[in-house]
PDB file of N, CA and C in Angstrom:
ATOM      1  N   UNK A   1      40.276  62.842 192.997  1.00  0.00           N
ATOM      2  CA  UNK A   1      39.232  63.037 192.003  1.00  0.00           C
ATOM      3  C   UNK A   1      38.676  64.452 192.060  1.00  0.00           C
ATOM      4  N   UNK A   2      38.419  64.968 193.271  1.00  0.00           N
ATOM      5  CA  UNK A   2      37.785  66.274 193.387  1.00  0.00           C
ATOM      6  C   UNK A   2      38.779  67.408 193.478  1.00  0.00           C
ATOM      7  N   UNK A   3      40.073  67.124 193.624  1.00  0.00           N
ATOM      8  CA  UNK A   3      41.031  68.205 193.799  1.00  0.00           C
ATOM      9  C   UNK A   3      41.224  69.030 192.534  1.00  0.00           C
ATOM     10  N   UNK A   4      40.983  68.501 191.368  1.00  0.00           N
ATOM     11  CA  UNK A   4      41.141  69.261 190.138  1.00  0.00           C
ATOM     12  C   UNK A   4      39.861  69.164 189.305  1.00  0.00           C
ATOM     13  N   UNK A   5      38.746  69.315 189.961  1.00  0.00           N
ATOM     14  CA  UNK A   5      37.428  69.134 189.363  1.00  0.00           C
ATOM     15  C   UNK A   5      37.237  69.983 188.120  1.00  0.00           C
ATOM     16  N   UNK A   6      37.723  71.231 188.147  1.00  0.00           N
ATOM     17  CA  UNK A   6      37.526  72.152 187.033  1.00  0.00           C
ATOM     18  C   UNK A   6      38.803  72.366 186.207  1.00  0.00           C
ATOM     19  N   UNK A   7      39.803  71.515 186.375  1.00  0.00           N
ATOM     20  CA  UNK A   7      41.047  71.632 185.633  1.00  0.00           C
ATOM     21  C   UNK A   7      40.856  71.360 184.147  1.00  0.00           C
ATOM     22  N   UNK A   8      41.867  71.658 183.342  1.00  0.00           N
ATOM     23  CA  UNK A   8      41.748  71.518 181.889  1.00  0.00           C
ATOM     24  C   UNK A   8      41.505  70.092 181.405  1.00  0.00           C
ATOM     25  N   UNK A   9      41.919  69.106 182.177  1.00  0.00           N
ATOM     26  CA  UNK A   9      41.685  67.718 181.774  1.00  0.00           C
ATOM     27  C   UNK A   9      40.343  67.197 182.258  1.00  0.00           C
ATOM     28  N   UNK A  10      39.678  67.974 183.121  1.00  0.00           N
ATOM     29  CA  UNK A  10      38.430  67.510 183.705  1.00  0.00           C
ATOM     30  C   UNK A  10      37.216  68.279 183.211  1.00  0.00           C
ATOM     31  N   UNK A  11      37.395  69.540 182.885  1.00  0.00           N
ATOM     32  CA  UNK A  11      36.262  70.376 182.497  1.00  0.00           C
ATOM     33  C   UNK A  11      36.661  71.256 181.318  1.00  0.00           C
ATOM     34  N   UNK A  12      35.671  71.646 180.565  1.00  0.00           N
ATOM     35  CA  UNK A  12      35.908  72.544 179.441  1.00  0.00           C
ATOM     36  C   UNK A  12      35.621  73.980 179.870  1.00  0.00           C
ATOM     37  N   UNK A  13      35.968  74.914 179.008  1.00  0.00           N
ATOM     38  CA  UNK A  13      35.645  76.319 179.244  1.00  0.00           C
ATOM     39  C   UNK A  13      34.149  76.458 179.516  1.00  0.00           C
ATOM     40  N   UNK A  14      33.341  75.845 178.682  1.00  0.00           N
ATOM     41  CA  UNK A  14      31.891  75.925 178.837  1.00  0.00           C
ATOM     42  C   UNK A  14      31.405  75.338 180.151  1.00  0.00           C
ATOM     43  N   UNK A  15      32.029  74.239 180.591  1.00  0.00           N
ATOM     44  CA  UNK A  15      31.670  73.646 181.883  1.00  0.00           C
ATOM     45  C   UNK A  15      31.905  74.641 183.007  1.00  0.00           C
ATOM     46  N   UNK A  16      33.060  75.337 182.947  1.00  0.00           N
ATOM     47  CA  UNK A  16      33.398  76.290 184.001  1.00  0.00           C
ATOM     48  C   UNK A  16      32.478  77.506 183.975  1.00  0.00           C
ATOM     49  N   UNK A  17      32.132  77.991 182.773  1.00  0.00           N
ATOM     50  CA  UNK A  17      31.205  79.122 182.672  1.00  0.00           C
ATOM     51  C   UNK A  17      29.861  78.747 183.290  1.00  0.00           C
ATOM     52  N   UNK A  18      29.330  77.591 182.915  1.00  0.00           N
ATOM     53  CA  UNK A  18      28.025  77.159 183.428  1.00  0.00           C
ATOM     54  C   UNK A  18      28.066  76.972 184.940  1.00  0.00           C
ATOM     55  N   UNK A  19      29.130  76.360 185.455  1.00  0.00           N
ATOM     56  CA  UNK A  19      29.236  76.135 186.900  1.00  0.00           C
ATOM     57  C   UNK A  19      29.318  77.459 187.655  1.00  0.00           C
ATOM     58  N   UNK A  20      30.109  78.394 187.150  1.00  0.00           N
ATOM     59  CA  UNK A  20      30.255  79.689 187.817  1.00  0.00           C
ATOM     60  C   UNK A  20      28.947  80.478 187.753  1.00  0.00           C
ATOM     61  N   UNK A  21      28.265  80.389 186.631  1.00  0.00           N
ATOM     62  CA  UNK A  21      26.978  81.079 186.484  1.00  0.00           C
ATOM     63  C   UNK A  21      25.973  80.523 187.476  1.00  0.00           C
ATOM     64  N   UNK A  22      25.905  79.201 187.562  1.00  0.00           N
ATOM     65  CA  UNK A  22      24.974  78.564 188.503  1.00  0.00           C
ATOM     66  C   UNK A  22      25.334  78.895 189.944  1.00  0.00           C
ATOM     67  N   UNK A  23      26.635  78.904 190.259  1.00  0.00           N
ATOM     68  CA  UNK A  23      27.076  79.245 191.619  1.00  0.00           C
ATOM     69  C   UNK A  23      26.724  80.695 191.957  1.00  0.00           C
ATOM     70  N   UNK A  24      26.683  81.554 190.952  1.00  0.00           N
ATOM     71  CA  UNK A  24      26.312  82.957 191.155  1.00  0.00           C
ATOM     72  C   UNK A  24      24.792  83.116 191.227  1.00  0.00           C
ATOM     73  N   UNK A  25      24.064  82.028 191.018  1.00  0.00           N
ATOM     74  CA  UNK A  25      22.613  82.062 191.108  1.00  0.00           C
ATOM     75  C   UNK A  25      21.935  82.728 189.926  1.00  0.00           C
ATOM     76  N   UNK A  26      22.572  82.653 188.765  1.00  0.00           N
ATOM     77  CA  UNK A  26      22.004  83.281 187.565  1.00  0.00           C
ATOM     78  C   UNK A  26      21.585  82.240 186.544  1.00  0.00           C
ATOM     79  N   UNK A  27      20.537  82.569 185.809  1.00  0.00           N
ATOM     80  CA  UNK A  27      20.134  81.752 184.670  1.00  0.00           C
ATOM     81  C   UNK A  27      20.952  82.218 183.468  1.00  0.00           C
ATOM     82  N   UNK A  28      20.901  81.443 182.401  1.00  0.00           N
ATOM     83  CA  UNK A  28      21.560  81.867 181.166  1.00  0.00           C
ATOM     84  C   UNK A  28      20.985  83.195 180.693  1.00  0.00           C
ATOM     85  N   UNK A  29      19.679  83.324 180.776  1.00  0.00           N
ATOM     86  CA  UNK A  29      19.013  84.544 180.322  1.00  0.00           C
ATOM     87  C   UNK A  29      19.485  85.756 181.114  1.00  0.00           C
ATOM     88  N   UNK A  30      19.612  85.606 182.423  1.00  0.00           N
ATOM     89  CA  UNK A  30      20.042  86.712 183.273  1.00  0.00           C
ATOM     90  C   UNK A  30      21.472  87.141 182.963  1.00  0.00           C
ATOM     91  N   UNK A  31      22.368  86.175 182.832  1.00  0.00           N
ATOM     92  CA  UNK A  31      23.757  86.518 182.546  1.00  0.00           C
ATOM     93  C   UNK A  31      23.887  87.157 181.169  1.00  0.00           C
ATOM     94  N   UNK A  32      23.214  86.603 180.186  1.00  0.00           N
ATOM     95  CA  UNK A  32      23.274  87.181 178.831  1.00  0.00           C
ATOM     96  C   UNK A  32      22.791  88.627 178.854  1.00  0.00           C
ATOM     97  N   UNK A  33      21.706  88.878 179.544  1.00  0.00           N
ATOM     98  CA  UNK A  33      21.158  90.238 179.604  1.00  0.00           C
ATOM     99  C   UNK A  33      22.129  91.176 180.307  1.00  0.00           C
ATOM    100  N   UNK A  34      22.684  90.746 181.425  1.00  0.00           N
ATOM    101  CA  UNK A  34      23.637  91.592 182.164  1.00  0.00           C
ATOM    102  C   UNK A  34      24.885  91.888 181.341  1.00  0.00           C
ATOM    103  N   UNK A  35      25.281  90.940 180.486  1.00  0.00           N
ATOM    104  CA  UNK A  35      26.478  91.137 179.667  1.00  0.00           C
ATOM    105  C   UNK A  35      26.175  91.873 178.365  1.00  0.00           C
ATOM    106  N   UNK A  36      24.902  92.022 178.042  1.00  0.00           N
ATOM    107  CA  UNK A  36      24.532  92.693 176.801  1.00  0.00           C
ATOM    108  C   UNK A  36      24.799  91.854 175.566  1.00  0.00           C
ATOM    109  N   UNK A  37      24.608  90.543 175.714  1.00  0.00           N
ATOM    110  CA  UNK A  37      24.823  89.623 174.591  1.00  0.00           C
ATOM    111  C   UNK A  37      23.551  88.833 174.343  1.00  0.00           C
ATOM    112  N   UNK A  38      23.499  88.188 173.213  1.00  0.00           N
ATOM    113  CA  UNK A  38      22.347  87.338 172.896  1.00  0.00           C
ATOM    114  C   UNK A  38      22.446  86.036 173.681  1.00  0.00           C
ATOM    115  N   UNK A  39      21.285  85.495 174.008  1.00  0.00           N
ATOM    116  CA  UNK A  39      21.226  84.233 174.731  1.00  0.00           C
ATOM    117  C   UNK A  39      21.933  83.129 173.951  1.00  0.00           C
ATOM    118  N   UNK A  40      21.769  83.113 172.630  1.00  0.00           N
ATOM    119  CA  UNK A  40      22.403  82.057 171.834  1.00  0.00           C
ATOM    120  C   UNK A  40      23.928  82.167 171.883  1.00  0.00           C
ATOM    121  N   UNK A  41      24.442  83.371 172.089  1.00  0.00           N
ATOM    122  CA  UNK A  41      25.895  83.552 172.217  1.00  0.00           C
ATOM    123  C   UNK A  41      26.390  82.891 173.492  1.00  0.00           C
ATOM    124  N   UNK A  42      25.705  83.157 174.606  1.00  0.00           N
ATOM    125  CA  UNK A  42      26.090  82.540 175.879  1.00  0.00           C
ATOM    126  C   UNK A  42      25.949  81.024 175.803  1.00  0.00           C
ATOM    127  N   UNK A  43      24.896  80.550 175.194  1.00  0.00           N
ATOM    128  CA  UNK A  43      24.705  79.097 175.059  1.00  0.00           C
ATOM    129  C   UNK A  43      25.837  78.476 174.243  1.00  0.00           C
ATOM    130  N   UNK A  44      26.284  79.169 173.221  1.00  0.00           N
ATOM    131  CA  UNK A  44      27.399  78.669 172.404  1.00  0.00           C
ATOM    132  C   UNK A  44      28.677  78.593 173.236  1.00  0.00           C
ATOM    133  N   UNK A  45      28.884  79.557 174.124  1.00  0.00           N
ATOM    134  CA  UNK A  45      30.058  79.513 174.999  1.00  0.00           C
ATOM    135  C   UNK A  45      29.960  78.321 175.949  1.00  0.00           C
ATOM    136  N   UNK A  46      28.790  78.130 176.559  1.00  0.00           N
ATOM    137  CA  UNK A  46      28.628  77.037 177.513  1.00  0.00           C
ATOM    138  C   UNK A  46      28.660  75.671 176.827  1.00  0.00           C
ATOM    139  N   UNK A  47      28.307  75.628 175.555  1.00  0.00           N
ATOM    140  CA  UNK A  47      28.342  74.381 174.792  1.00  0.00           C
ATOM    141  C   UNK A  47      29.681  74.168 174.089  1.00  0.00           C
ATOM    142  N   UNK A  48      30.634  75.056 174.360  1.00  0.00           N
ATOM    143  CA  UNK A  48      31.980  74.981 173.763  1.00  0.00           C
ATOM    144  C   UNK A  48      31.957  75.038 172.243  1.00  0.00           C
ATOM    145  N   UNK A  49      31.027  75.805 171.703  1.00  0.00           N
ATOM    146  CA  UNK A  49      30.956  76.003 170.255  1.00  0.00           C
ATOM    147  C   UNK A  49      31.695  77.267 169.837  1.00  0.00           C
ATOM    148  N   UNK A  50      31.890  78.173 170.793  1.00  0.00           N
ATOM    149  CA  UNK A  50      32.664  79.392 170.544  1.00  0.00           C
ATOM    150  C   UNK A  50      33.156  79.912 171.881  1.00  0.00           C
ATOM    151  N   UNK A  51      34.014  80.924 171.822  1.00  0.00           N
ATOM    152  CA  UNK A  51      34.554  81.539 173.037  1.00  0.00           C
ATOM    153  C   UNK A  51      34.434  83.049 172.914  1.00  0.00           C
ATOM    154  N   UNK A  52      34.307  83.716 174.054  1.00  0.00           N
ATOM    155  CA  UNK A  52      34.159  85.174 174.016  1.00  0.00           C
ATOM    156  C   UNK A  52      35.470  85.877 173.702  1.00  0.00           C
ATOM    157  N   UNK A  53      35.333  87.105 173.242  1.00  0.00           N
ATOM    158  CA  UNK A  53      36.508  87.963 173.068  1.00  0.00           C
ATOM    159  C   UNK A  53      36.990  88.388 174.449  1.00  0.00           C
ATOM    160  N   UNK A  54      38.184  88.941 174.489  1.00  0.00           N
ATOM    161  CA  UNK A  54      38.822  89.282 175.760  1.00  0.00           C
ATOM    162  C   UNK A  54      37.973  90.224 176.614  1.00  0.00           C
ATOM    163  N   UNK A  55      37.348  91.224 175.996  1.00  0.00           N
ATOM    164  CA  UNK A  55      36.569  92.171 176.802  1.00  0.00           C
ATOM    165  C   UNK A  55      35.360  91.499 177.449  1.00  0.00           C
ATOM    166  N   UNK A  56      34.697  90.612 176.727  1.00  0.00           N
ATOM    167  CA  UNK A  56      33.541  89.898 177.293  1.00  0.00           C
ATOM    168  C   UNK A  56      33.995  88.866 178.321  1.00  0.00           C
ATOM    169  N   UNK A  57      35.135  88.249 178.086  1.00  0.00           N
ATOM    170  CA  UNK A  57      35.684  87.286 179.038  1.00  0.00           C
ATOM    171  C   UNK A  57      35.981  87.976 180.361  1.00  0.00           C
ATOM    172  N   UNK A  58      36.583  89.144 180.296  1.00  0.00           N
ATOM    173  CA  UNK A  58      36.899  89.915 181.494  1.00  0.00           C
ATOM    174  C   UNK A  58      35.620  90.330 182.225  1.00  0.00           C
ATOM    175  N   UNK A  59      34.643  90.791 181.472  1.00  0.00           N
ATOM    176  CA  UNK A  59      33.366  91.200 182.057  1.00  0.00           C
ATOM    177  C   UNK A  59      32.693  90.007 182.737  1.00  0.00           C
ATOM    178  N   UNK A  60      32.689  88.871 182.073  1.00  0.00           N
ATOM    179  CA  UNK A  60      32.043  87.687 182.612  1.00  0.00           C
ATOM    180  C   UNK A  60      32.747  87.225 183.889  1.00  0.00           C
ATOM    181  N   UNK A  61      34.069  87.209 183.885  1.00  0.00           N
ATOM    182  CA  UNK A  61      34.810  86.793 185.077  1.00  0.00           C
ATOM    183  C   UNK A  61      34.441  87.681 186.264  1.00  0.00           C
ATOM    184  N   UNK A  62      34.349  88.985 186.040  1.00  0.00           N
ATOM    185  CA  UNK A  62      33.963  89.901 187.113  1.00  0.00           C
ATOM    186  C   UNK A  62      32.561  89.643 187.616  1.00  0.00           C
ATOM    187  N   UNK A  63      31.630  89.437 186.709  1.00  0.00           N
ATOM    188  CA  UNK A  63      30.237  89.188 187.106  1.00  0.00           C
ATOM    189  C   UNK A  63      30.077  87.867 187.855  1.00  0.00           C
ATOM    190  N   UNK A  64      30.882  86.890 187.507  1.00  0.00           N
ATOM    191  CA  UNK A  64      30.774  85.563 188.118  1.00  0.00           C
ATOM    192  C   UNK A  64      31.717  85.385 189.307  1.00  0.00           C
ATOM    193  N   UNK A  65      32.528  86.417 189.573  1.00  0.00           N
ATOM    194  CA  UNK A  65      33.444  86.413 190.712  1.00  0.00           C
ATOM    195  C   UNK A  65      34.475  85.279 190.645  1.00  0.00           C
ATOM    196  N   UNK A  66      35.010  85.075 189.437  1.00  0.00           N
ATOM    197  CA  UNK A  66      36.090  84.105 189.224  1.00  0.00           C
ATOM    198  C   UNK A  66      37.160  84.802 188.394  1.00  0.00           C
ATOM    199  N   UNK A  67      38.341  84.233 188.356  1.00  0.00           N
ATOM    200  CA  UNK A  67      39.402  84.846 187.560  1.00  0.00           C
ATOM    201  C   UNK A  67      39.282  84.436 186.088  1.00  0.00           C
ATOM    202  N   UNK A  68      39.853  85.252 185.233  1.00  0.00           N
ATOM    203  CA  UNK A  68      39.868  84.928 183.805  1.00  0.00           C
ATOM    204  C   UNK A  68      40.610  83.607 183.584  1.00  0.00           C
ATOM    205  N   UNK A  69      41.723  83.435 184.282  1.00  0.00           N
ATOM    206  CA  UNK A  69      42.498  82.199 184.117  1.00  0.00           C
ATOM    207  C   UNK A  69      41.695  80.974 184.548  1.00  0.00           C
ATOM    208  N   UNK A  70      40.885  81.119 185.578  1.00  0.00           N
ATOM    209  CA  UNK A  70      40.072  79.986 186.007  1.00  0.00           C
ATOM    210  C   UNK A  70      39.067  79.620 184.917  1.00  0.00           C
ATOM    211  N   UNK A  71      38.452  80.641 184.315  1.00  0.00           N
ATOM    212  CA  UNK A  71      37.511  80.346 183.230  1.00  0.00           C
ATOM    213  C   UNK A  71      38.217  79.636 182.078  1.00  0.00           C
ATOM    214  N   UNK A  72      39.431  80.089 181.756  1.00  0.00           N
ATOM    215  CA  UNK A  72      40.148  79.535 180.609  1.00  0.00           C
ATOM    216  C   UNK A  72      40.716  78.146 180.861  1.00  0.00           C
ATOM    217  N   UNK A  73      41.314  77.939 182.051  1.00  0.00           N
ATOM    218  CA  UNK A  73      41.998  76.662 182.254  1.00  0.00           C
ATOM    219  C   UNK A  73      41.782  76.014 183.623  1.00  0.00           C
ATOM    220  N   UNK A  74      40.916  76.594 184.442  1.00  0.00           N
ATOM    221  CA  UNK A  74      40.618  75.986 185.733  1.00  0.00           C
ATOM    222  C   UNK A  74      41.619  76.300 186.825  1.00  0.00           C
ATOM    223  N   UNK A  75      42.574  77.188 186.554  1.00  0.00           N
ATOM    224  CA  UNK A  75      43.584  77.547 187.547  1.00  0.00           C
ATOM    225  C   UNK A  75      43.349  78.976 188.007  1.00  0.00           C
ATOM    226  N   UNK A  76      43.580  79.216 189.289  1.00  0.00           N
ATOM    227  CA  UNK A  76      43.367  80.552 189.827  1.00  0.00           C
ATOM    228  C   UNK A  76      42.100  80.605 190.653  1.00  0.00           C
ATOM    229  N   UNK A  77      41.617  81.814 190.887  1.00  0.00           N
ATOM    230  CA  UNK A  77      40.435  82.024 191.725  1.00  0.00           C
ATOM    231  C   UNK A  77      39.186  81.544 191.004  1.00  0.00           C
ATOM    232  N   UNK A  78      38.533  80.565 191.590  1.00  0.00           N
ATOM    233  CA  UNK A  78      37.328  80.020 190.977  1.00  0.00           C
ATOM    234  C   UNK A  78      36.510  79.253 191.984  1.00  0.00           C
ATOM    235  N   UNK A  79      35.848  78.249 191.516  1.00  0.00           N
ATOM    236  CA  UNK A  79      34.979  77.444 192.377  1.00  0.00           C
ATOM    237  C   UNK A  79      35.714  76.214 192.891  1.00  0.00           C
ATOM    238  N   UNK A  80      35.300  75.780 194.061  1.00  0.00           N
ATOM    239  CA  UNK A  80      35.771  74.503 194.578  1.00  0.00           C
ATOM    240  C   UNK A  80      34.933  73.401 193.942  1.00  0.00           C
ATOM    241  N   UNK A  81      35.383  72.191 194.075  1.00  0.00           N
ATOM    242  CA  UNK A  81      34.606  71.050 193.565  1.00  0.00           C
ATOM    243  C   UNK A  81      33.244  71.034 194.248  1.00  0.00           C
ATOM    244  N   UNK A  82      32.230  70.607 193.540  1.00  0.00           N
ATOM    245  CA  UNK A  82      30.902  70.524 194.166  1.00  0.00           C
ATOM    246  C   UNK A  82      30.946  69.629 195.400  1.00  0.00           C
ATOM    247  N   UNK A  83      30.195  70.005 196.426  1.00  0.00           N
ATOM    248  CA  UNK A  83      30.219  69.239 197.676  1.00  0.00           C
ATOM    249  C   UNK A  83      29.707  67.815 197.482  1.00  0.00           C
ATOM    250  N   UNK A  84      28.807  67.615 196.534  1.00  0.00           N
ATOM    251  CA  UNK A  84      28.285  66.266 196.318  1.00  0.00           C
ATOM    252  C   UNK A  84      29.231  65.400 195.500  1.00  0.00           C
ATOM    253  N   UNK A  85      30.334  65.976 195.022  1.00  0.00           N
ATOM    254  CA  UNK A  85      31.288  65.204 194.224  1.00  0.00           C
ATOM    255  C   UNK A  85      31.973  64.128 195.068  1.00  0.00           C
ATOM    256  N   UNK A  86      32.107  64.376 196.363  1.00  0.00           N
ATOM    257  CA  UNK A  86      32.765  63.400 197.223  1.00  0.00           C
ATOM    258  C   UNK A  86      31.836  62.239 197.561  1.00  0.00           C
ATOM    259  N   UNK A  87      30.555  62.367 197.253  1.00  0.00           N
ATOM    260  CA  UNK A  87      29.587  61.330 197.576  1.00  0.00           C
ATOM    261  C   UNK A  87      29.375  60.344 196.425  1.00  0.00           C
ATOM    262  N   UNK A  88      30.172  60.445 195.385  1.00  0.00           N
ATOM    263  CA  UNK A  88      30.009  59.561 194.242  1.00  0.00           C
ATOM    264  C   UNK A  88      30.504  58.155 194.570  1.00  0.00           C
ATOM    265  N   UNK A  89      29.857  57.174 193.985  1.00  0.00           N
ATOM    266  CA  UNK A  89      30.279  55.791 194.211  1.00  0.00           C
ATOM    267  C   UNK A  89      31.571  55.505 193.455  1.00  0.00           C
ATOM    268  N   UNK A  90      32.228  54.448 193.848  1.00  0.00           N
ATOM    269  CA  UNK A  90      33.485  54.059 193.198  1.00  0.00           C
ATOM    270  C   UNK A  90      33.315  53.807 191.712  1.00  0.00           C
ATOM    271  N   UNK A  91      32.186  53.190 191.326  1.00  0.00           N
ATOM    272  CA  UNK A  91      31.927  52.913 189.913  1.00  0.00           C
ATOM    273  C   UNK A  91      31.805  54.205 189.115  1.00  0.00           C
ATOM    274  N   UNK A  92      31.108  55.191 189.677  1.00  0.00           N
ATOM    275  CA  UNK A  92      30.925  56.468 188.991  1.00  0.00           C
ATOM    276  C   UNK A  92      32.264  57.190 188.876  1.00  0.00           C
ATOM    277  N   UNK A  93      33.047  57.162 189.923  1.00  0.00           N
ATOM    278  CA  UNK A  93      34.369  57.789 189.888  1.00  0.00           C
ATOM    279  C   UNK A  93      35.241  57.126 188.835  1.00  0.00           C
ATOM    280  N   UNK A  94      35.176  55.806 188.730  1.00  0.00           N
ATOM    281  CA  UNK A  94      35.945  55.087 187.710  1.00  0.00           C
ATOM    282  C   UNK A  94      35.527  55.511 186.299  1.00  0.00           C
ATOM    283  N   UNK A  95      34.226  55.637 186.094  1.00  0.00           N
ATOM    284  CA  UNK A  95      33.730  56.052 184.776  1.00  0.00           C
ATOM    285  C   UNK A  95      34.185  57.472 184.460  1.00  0.00           C
ATOM    286  N   UNK A  96      34.049  58.376 185.430  1.00  0.00           N
ATOM    287  CA  UNK A  96      34.488  59.761 185.214  1.00  0.00           C
ATOM    288  C   UNK A  96      35.982  59.835 184.938  1.00  0.00           C
ATOM    289  N   UNK A  97      36.757  59.043 185.665  1.00  0.00           N
ATOM    290  CA  UNK A  97      38.201  59.028 185.452  1.00  0.00           C
ATOM    291  C   UNK A  97      38.536  58.543 184.049  1.00  0.00           C
ATOM    292  N   UNK A  98      37.871  57.479 183.617  1.00  0.00           N
ATOM    293  CA  UNK A  98      38.103  56.961 182.269  1.00  0.00           C
ATOM    294  C   UNK A  98      37.702  57.976 181.204  1.00  0.00           C
ATOM    295  N   UNK A  99      36.582  58.679 181.432  1.00  0.00           N
ATOM    296  CA  UNK A  99      36.146  59.704 180.479  1.00  0.00           C
ATOM    297  C   UNK A  99      37.173  60.829 180.392  1.00  0.00           C
ATOM    298  N   UNK A 100      37.703  61.242 181.526  1.00  0.00           N
ATOM    299  CA  UNK A 100      38.715  62.315 181.535  1.00  0.00           C
ATOM    300  C   UNK A 100      39.982  61.868 180.823  1.00  0.00           C
ATOM    301  N   UNK A 101      40.384  60.635 181.043  1.00  0.00           N
ATOM    302  CA  UNK A 101      41.563  60.113 180.348  1.00  0.00           C
ATOM    303  C   UNK A 101      41.321  60.079 178.848  1.00  0.00           C
ATOM    304  N   UNK A 102      40.148  59.655 178.443  1.00  0.00           N
ATOM    305  CA  UNK A 102      39.797  59.608 177.027  1.00  0.00           C
ATOM    306  C   UNK A 102      39.792  61.008 176.426  1.00  0.00           C
ATOM    307  N   UNK A 103      39.237  61.973 177.156  1.00  0.00           N
ATOM    308  CA  UNK A 103      39.237  63.362 176.675  1.00  0.00           C
ATOM    309  C   UNK A 103      40.665  63.855 176.452  1.00  0.00           C
ATOM    310  N   UNK A 104      41.558  63.529 177.378  1.00  0.00           N
ATOM    311  CA  UNK A 104      42.953  63.935 177.245  1.00  0.00           C
ATOM    312  C   UNK A 104      43.588  63.287 176.021  1.00  0.00           C
ATOM    313  N   UNK A 105      43.323  61.998 175.819  1.00  0.00           N
ATOM    314  CA  UNK A 105      43.858  61.301 174.649  1.00  0.00           C
ATOM    315  C   UNK A 105      43.313  61.903 173.356  1.00  0.00           C
ATOM    316  N   UNK A 106      42.017  62.178 173.332  1.00  0.00           N
ATOM    317  CA  UNK A 106      41.403  62.766 172.133  1.00  0.00           C
ATOM    318  C   UNK A 106      41.977  64.141 171.836  1.00  0.00           C
ATOM    319  N   UNK A 107      42.189  64.918 172.880  1.00  0.00           N
ATOM    320  CA  UNK A 107      42.773  66.247 172.698  1.00  0.00           C
ATOM    321  C   UNK A 107      44.161  66.120 172.055  1.00  0.00           C
ATOM    322  N   UNK A 108      44.943  65.169 172.526  1.00  0.00           N
ATOM    323  CA  UNK A 108      46.265  64.938 171.945  1.00  0.00           C
ATOM    324  C   UNK A 108      46.172  64.516 170.487  1.00  0.00           C
ATOM    325  N   UNK A 109      45.202  63.668 170.162  1.00  0.00           N
ATOM    326  CA  UNK A 109      45.019  63.217 168.784  1.00  0.00           C
ATOM    327  C   UNK A 109      44.569  64.368 167.878  1.00  0.00           C
ATOM    328  N   UNK A 110      43.715  65.241 168.394  1.00  0.00           N
ATOM    329  CA  UNK A 110      43.273  66.407 167.621  1.00  0.00           C
ATOM    330  C   UNK A 110      44.460  67.315 167.325  1.00  0.00           C
ATOM    331  N   UNK A 111      45.322  67.521 168.313  1.00  0.00           N
ATOM    332  CA  UNK A 111      46.514  68.346 168.105  1.00  0.00           C
ATOM    333  C   UNK A 111      47.439  67.699 167.075  1.00  0.00           C
ATOM    334  N   UNK A 112      47.585  66.398 167.145  1.00  0.00           N
ATOM    335  CA  UNK A 112      48.417  65.671 166.173  1.00  0.00           C
ATOM    336  C   UNK A 112      47.842  65.813 164.766  1.00  0.00           C
ATOM    337  N   UNK A 113      46.511  65.678 164.653  1.00  0.00           N
ATOM    338  CA  UNK A 113      45.843  65.832 163.367  1.00  0.00           C
ATOM    339  C   UNK A 113      46.062  67.244 162.808  1.00  0.00           C
ATOM    340  N   UNK A 114      45.990  68.243 163.658  1.00  0.00           N
ATOM    341  CA  UNK A 114      46.199  69.623 163.215  1.00  0.00           C
ATOM    342  C   UNK A 114      47.627  69.821 162.699  1.00  0.00           C
ATOM    343  N   UNK A 115      48.600  69.222 163.375  1.00  0.00           N
ATOM    344  CA  UNK A 115      49.995  69.327 162.910  1.00  0.00           C
ATOM    345  C   UNK A 115      50.167  68.653 161.551  1.00  0.00           C
ATOM    346  N   UNK A 116      49.543  67.481 161.373  1.00  0.00           N
ATOM    347  CA  UNK A 116      49.629  66.780 160.096  1.00  0.00           C
ATOM    348  C   UNK A 116      48.948  67.580 158.978  1.00  0.00           C
ATOM    349  N   UNK A 117      47.821  68.181 159.298  1.00  0.00           N
ATOM    350  CA  UNK A 117      47.124  68.993 158.304  1.00  0.00           C
ATOM    351  C   UNK A 117      47.984  70.177 157.875  1.00  0.00           C
ATOM    352  N   UNK A 118      48.637  70.817 158.838  1.00  0.00           N
ATOM    353  CA  UNK A 118      49.517  71.947 158.526  1.00  0.00           C
ATOM    354  C   UNK A 118      50.682  71.487 157.651  1.00  0.00           C
ATOM    355  N   UNK A 119      51.238  70.344 157.998  1.00  0.00           N
ATOM    356  CA  UNK A 119      52.357  69.790 157.229  1.00  0.00           C
ATOM    357  C   UNK A 119      51.920  69.500 155.787  1.00  0.00           C
ATOM    358  N   UNK A 120      50.733  68.929 155.634  1.00  0.00           N
ATOM    359  CA  UNK A 120      50.205  68.635 154.308  1.00  0.00           C
ATOM    360  C   UNK A 120      49.970  69.917 153.510  1.00  0.00           C
ATOM    361  N   UNK A 121      49.403  70.926 154.140  1.00  0.00           N
ATOM    362  CA  UNK A 121      49.164  72.192 153.456  1.00  0.00           C
ATOM    363  C   UNK A 121      50.472  72.803 152.953  1.00  0.00           C
ATOM    364  N   UNK A 122      51.500  72.724 153.778  1.00  0.00           N
ATOM    365  CA  UNK A 122      52.808  73.252 153.370  1.00  0.00           C
ATOM    366  C   UNK A 122      53.369  72.474 152.194  1.00  0.00           C
ATOM    367  N   UNK A 123      53.199  71.166 152.210  1.00  0.00           N
ATOM    368  CA  UNK A 123      53.672  70.327 151.099  1.00  0.00           C
ATOM    369  C   UNK A 123      52.909  70.653 149.822  1.00  0.00           C
ATOM    370  N   UNK A 124      51.618  70.895 149.922  1.00  0.00           N
ATOM    371  CA  UNK A 124      50.798  71.205 148.747  1.00  0.00           C
ATOM    372  C   UNK A 124      51.138  72.580 148.168  1.00  0.00           C
ATOM    373  N   UNK A 125      51.566  73.493 149.020  1.00  0.00           N
ATOM    374  CA  UNK A 125      51.928  74.842 148.573  1.00  0.00           C
ATOM    375  C   UNK A 125      53.312  74.887 147.948  1.00  0.00           C
ATOM    376  N   UNK A 126      54.182  74.005 148.416  1.00  0.00           N
ATOM    377  CA  UNK A 126      55.585  74.005 147.948  1.00  0.00           C
ATOM    378  C   UNK A 126      55.639  73.590 146.482  1.00  0.00           C
ATOM    379  N   UNK A 127      56.533  74.231 145.712  1.00  0.00           N
ATOM    380  CA  UNK A 127      56.685  73.816 144.315  1.00  0.00           C
ATOM    381  C   UNK A 127      57.194  72.382 144.225  1.00  0.00           C
ATOM    382  N   UNK A 128      56.796  71.694 143.198  1.00  0.00           N
ATOM    383  CA  UNK A 128      57.224  70.303 143.022  1.00  0.00           C
ATOM    384  C   UNK A 128      58.710  70.224 142.906  1.00  0.00           C
ATOM    385  N   UNK A 129      59.287  69.238 143.524  1.00  0.00           N
ATOM    386  CA  UNK A 129      60.745  69.067 143.500  1.00  0.00           C
ATOM    387  C   UNK A 129      61.170  68.094 142.451  1.00  0.00           C
TER     388      UNK A 129
END
């Protein structure tokens, strides 16, 4: 359960940004100011409403002492699972596991929907046969 705590199936980009920021001992306001961005921009990143451009991503990774790849997908130099994660009850672990499985299924369905939408757009653009 804790070995891939921040992996792509367990955490989002925003989850990893918030965790790394907290581990660095910074508030949202402090990190936004240090990066020269608006607070609402950082909040949007942590809420997974948007993502930073490459230059800001690189700057943020350096300030938070994690790798860019870890921020993006949970792989590489980053944070270990929280120490209190091992103290969770079996019921809580079961719920978290089910939520992660559901997130993975939903992600697959969203990708399938996007492929169907693209296929439909191509059909609508094509001249009638």
